[in-house]
N, C-alpha and C. Protein backbone atom coordinates (compact mmCIF):
# COMPACT_ATOMS: atom_id res chain seq x y z
N MET A 1 100.05 117.06 72.46
CA MET A 1 98.84 117.92 71.75
C MET A 1 97.81 118.68 72.02
N VAL A 2 97.68 119.90 71.65
CA VAL A 2 96.70 120.71 72.16
C VAL A 2 95.23 120.27 70.94
N SER A 3 94.19 120.57 71.20
CA SER A 3 93.36 120.43 70.36
C SER A 3 92.33 122.25 70.82
N ALA A 4 92.10 122.83 70.14
CA ALA A 4 91.41 124.21 70.26
C ALA A 4 89.82 123.98 69.71
N GLN A 5 89.28 124.59 70.49
CA GLN A 5 87.63 124.72 69.45
C GLN A 5 87.73 125.80 69.37
N PRO A 6 86.79 125.93 68.03
CA PRO A 6 86.17 127.57 67.30
C PRO A 6 85.67 128.61 68.66
N GLU A 7 86.20 129.87 68.32
CA GLU A 7 85.99 130.77 68.85
C GLU A 7 84.94 131.74 68.93
N GLY A 8 84.22 132.51 69.25
CA GLY A 8 83.73 133.57 69.24
C GLY A 8 82.65 133.24 67.31
N PRO A 9 82.20 134.64 67.33
CA PRO A 9 81.20 134.82 66.23
C PRO A 9 82.26 134.57 65.14
N CYS A 10 83.41 134.61 65.04
CA CYS A 10 84.44 134.43 63.54
C CYS A 10 84.80 132.49 63.60
N GLY A 11 84.60 131.73 64.72
CA GLY A 11 84.83 131.09 65.07
C GLY A 11 86.84 130.78 65.26
N ILE A 12 86.97 131.53 65.70
CA ILE A 12 88.88 131.71 65.97
C ILE A 12 89.24 130.29 66.03
N VAL A 13 90.14 129.87 65.14
CA VAL A 13 90.90 128.69 66.30
C VAL A 13 92.44 129.21 65.84
N GLN A 14 93.15 128.82 67.34
CA GLN A 14 94.66 128.81 67.26
C GLN A 14 95.03 127.65 66.45
N LEU A 15 96.59 128.18 65.58
CA LEU A 15 97.10 126.99 65.18
C LEU A 15 98.51 127.10 65.49
N SER A 16 98.98 128.02 66.35
CA SER A 16 100.48 128.08 66.56
C SER A 16 100.61 126.89 66.95
N ARG A 17 102.54 126.57 66.62
CA ARG A 17 103.25 125.62 66.73
C ARG A 17 104.04 125.85 67.15
N PHE A 18 104.87 124.88 67.48
CA PHE A 18 106.74 125.51 67.90
C PHE A 18 107.54 124.08 66.57
N GLU A 19 108.13 124.66 65.69
CA GLU A 19 109.42 124.17 65.25
C GLU A 19 110.72 123.70 65.90
N MET A 20 111.06 122.89 65.58
CA MET A 20 112.62 122.36 65.58
C MET A 20 113.28 122.92 64.27
N ASP A 21 114.28 123.40 65.30
CA ASP A 21 115.78 123.61 64.30
C ASP A 21 116.90 122.58 63.92
N LYS A 22 116.80 122.41 62.93
CA LYS A 22 117.04 120.70 62.67
C LYS A 22 118.73 121.48 62.10
N GLU A 23 119.26 122.28 62.53
CA GLU A 23 120.44 122.85 61.95
C GLU A 23 121.25 122.59 63.81
N TYR A 24 120.53 122.87 64.38
CA TYR A 24 120.75 122.39 65.45
C TYR A 24 120.65 121.15 66.52
N HIS A 25 120.32 120.17 65.95
CA HIS A 25 119.77 118.99 66.55
C HIS A 25 118.90 119.35 67.56
N GLY A 26 117.88 119.77 67.44
CA GLY A 26 116.68 119.45 68.77
C GLY A 26 116.52 120.89 69.85
N LEU A 27 117.72 121.06 69.74
CA LEU A 27 118.58 122.05 71.12
C LEU A 27 118.18 123.38 71.25
N PHE A 28 116.97 124.07 69.83
CA PHE A 28 116.55 125.76 70.02
C PHE A 28 115.39 124.98 68.96
N TRP A 29 114.36 125.55 69.06
CA TRP A 29 113.19 125.61 68.67
C TRP A 29 112.58 127.24 67.78
N ARG A 30 111.80 126.99 67.33
CA ARG A 30 110.86 128.33 67.32
C ARG A 30 109.48 128.30 67.04
N TYR A 31 109.10 129.42 67.61
CA TYR A 31 107.18 129.44 67.72
C TYR A 31 106.85 130.28 66.16
N VAL A 32 105.78 129.32 66.13
CA VAL A 32 105.14 129.59 64.66
C VAL A 32 103.76 130.21 65.37
N ALA A 33 103.39 131.57 65.34
CA ALA A 33 101.44 131.94 65.32
C ALA A 33 100.68 132.04 64.36
N ARG A 34 99.68 131.84 64.60
CA ARG A 34 99.04 131.81 63.51
C ARG A 34 97.17 131.61 63.87
N LYS A 35 96.31 131.81 63.70
CA LYS A 35 95.12 132.00 63.74
C LYS A 35 94.47 131.66 62.62
N ALA A 36 92.89 131.38 62.43
CA ALA A 36 92.08 131.39 61.64
C ALA A 36 90.58 130.93 62.00
N ALA A 37 90.60 132.14 60.81
CA ALA A 37 88.38 131.82 61.03
C ALA A 37 87.89 131.23 60.11
N THR A 38 87.06 130.09 61.08
CA THR A 38 86.58 129.37 60.05
C THR A 38 85.13 130.00 59.87
N ASN A 39 84.66 131.29 60.19
CA ASN A 39 83.82 131.13 59.38
C ASN A 39 83.68 133.01 59.17
N PRO A 40 84.14 133.15 58.06
CA PRO A 40 84.37 134.35 57.17
C PRO A 40 83.71 134.66 57.16
N THR A 41 82.66 134.32 56.69
CA THR A 41 80.97 135.43 56.65
C THR A 41 80.49 135.62 57.38
N GLY A 42 80.90 135.74 58.86
CA GLY A 42 80.70 135.93 60.27
C GLY A 42 81.01 137.47 60.73
N THR A 43 80.52 137.85 61.27
CA THR A 43 80.57 139.96 61.36
C THR A 43 80.96 139.59 63.24
N LEU A 44 82.23 140.31 63.27
CA LEU A 44 82.84 139.73 64.69
C LEU A 44 82.02 141.36 65.33
N MET A 45 81.74 142.27 64.83
CA MET A 45 81.99 143.62 65.41
C MET A 45 81.05 144.22 64.26
N PRO A 46 79.87 145.59 64.51
CA PRO A 46 79.59 146.45 63.63
C PRO A 46 80.48 146.81 62.63
N GLY A 47 80.42 146.24 61.05
CA GLY A 47 81.47 147.26 60.24
C GLY A 47 82.80 146.48 60.56
N PHE A 48 82.69 145.06 60.97
CA PHE A 48 83.89 144.57 61.22
C PHE A 48 83.76 142.56 60.45
N SER A 49 84.05 142.49 59.17
CA SER A 49 84.02 141.48 58.66
C SER A 49 85.38 140.39 59.49
N CYS A 50 84.55 139.12 59.49
CA CYS A 50 85.54 138.32 59.71
C CYS A 50 86.26 138.12 58.67
N ALA A 51 86.14 138.39 57.60
CA ALA A 51 87.40 138.20 56.61
C ALA A 51 88.25 138.79 56.90
N ASP A 52 87.51 140.08 57.77
CA ASP A 52 89.33 141.20 57.86
C ASP A 52 90.00 140.36 59.26
N VAL A 53 89.90 139.53 60.01
CA VAL A 53 90.70 138.92 60.49
C VAL A 53 92.09 138.99 60.62
N ASP A 54 93.16 139.19 60.82
CA ASP A 54 94.67 138.57 60.74
C ASP A 54 94.81 136.98 60.80
N GLN A 55 95.27 136.39 59.49
CA GLN A 55 94.98 135.18 59.43
C GLN A 55 96.63 134.94 59.16
N GLY A 56 97.46 135.09 59.01
CA GLY A 56 98.87 135.78 58.74
C GLY A 56 99.78 135.01 59.94
N GLU A 57 100.61 134.18 59.46
CA GLU A 57 101.90 133.73 60.26
C GLU A 57 103.12 133.86 61.03
N TYR A 58 103.11 134.41 62.21
CA TYR A 58 104.45 134.64 62.41
C TYR A 58 105.27 134.40 63.07
N LEU A 59 106.71 134.07 62.84
CA LEU A 59 107.39 133.45 63.15
C LEU A 59 108.48 133.90 63.38
N TYR A 60 108.34 133.43 65.00
CA TYR A 60 109.65 134.13 66.91
C TYR A 60 110.70 133.23 66.58
N ASP A 61 111.32 133.53 66.11
CA ASP A 61 113.05 132.36 65.70
C ASP A 61 113.93 133.10 67.11
N TRP A 62 114.49 131.95 67.62
CA TRP A 62 115.98 132.17 68.06
C TRP A 62 116.75 133.09 68.04
N LYS A 63 117.20 132.96 67.13
CA LYS A 63 118.64 133.47 65.81
C LYS A 63 118.18 134.94 66.15
N LYS A 64 116.50 135.22 66.06
CA LYS A 64 117.12 137.02 65.70
C LYS A 64 116.99 137.77 67.40
N THR A 65 118.13 138.60 67.64
CA THR A 65 117.89 139.85 68.31
C THR A 65 116.88 140.72 68.86
N ARG A 66 116.07 140.20 68.80
CA ARG A 66 115.25 141.91 68.67
C ARG A 66 114.36 141.31 69.95
N SER A 67 113.44 142.41 70.21
CA SER A 67 111.94 142.13 71.09
C SER A 67 110.85 142.97 70.32
N ASP A 68 109.50 141.50 70.24
CA ASP A 68 108.15 141.99 69.81
C ASP A 68 107.45 142.54 70.90
N HIS A 69 106.70 143.48 70.36
CA HIS A 69 105.62 144.18 71.05
C HIS A 69 104.32 143.48 69.44
N MET A 70 103.15 142.75 70.67
CA MET A 70 102.10 142.68 69.72
C MET A 70 101.48 142.58 70.84
N GLN A 71 99.74 143.39 70.36
CA GLN A 71 99.06 143.84 71.33
C GLN A 71 98.82 143.79 72.60
N CYS A 72 98.55 142.67 73.52
CA CYS A 72 99.19 142.75 75.02
C CYS A 72 100.25 141.78 75.11
N GLU A 73 101.04 141.08 74.70
CA GLU A 73 101.90 140.30 74.65
C GLU A 73 102.78 140.47 74.08
N PHE A 74 103.73 140.14 75.26
CA PHE A 74 105.49 140.30 74.56
C PHE A 74 106.25 139.50 74.91
N VAL A 75 107.07 139.09 73.60
CA VAL A 75 108.39 137.88 73.71
C VAL A 75 109.62 137.96 73.66
N GLU A 76 110.17 138.62 74.16
CA GLU A 76 111.73 138.41 74.10
C GLU A 76 112.52 137.66 73.75
N PHE A 77 113.56 137.28 72.87
CA PHE A 77 114.15 136.16 72.39
C PHE A 77 115.84 135.93 73.02
N SER A 78 115.62 134.91 73.38
CA SER A 78 117.23 134.65 74.14
C SER A 78 117.69 133.52 74.09
N PRO A 79 119.20 133.36 73.64
CA PRO A 79 119.93 132.21 73.25
C PRO A 79 120.28 131.21 74.53
N ILE A 80 119.71 132.04 75.65
CA ILE A 80 119.76 131.14 76.84
C ILE A 80 118.23 131.35 78.27
């Protein structure tokens, strides 16, 4: 279990998790990335409200044959 503390003026908490692909009986997993702003009334910087922070959920599935570039992170999927 991972415990994350809220960070910064927006109180950002990482809520990412791994989910087992039940179709393959635990052999493969998916990664679900999400963050939440616990202080949506705060201000990150002038002109940028904490309510504007991307709090969407992003699914990274091993079945998809693609690569994603998000910010400075790179995730490449492979069945092996």
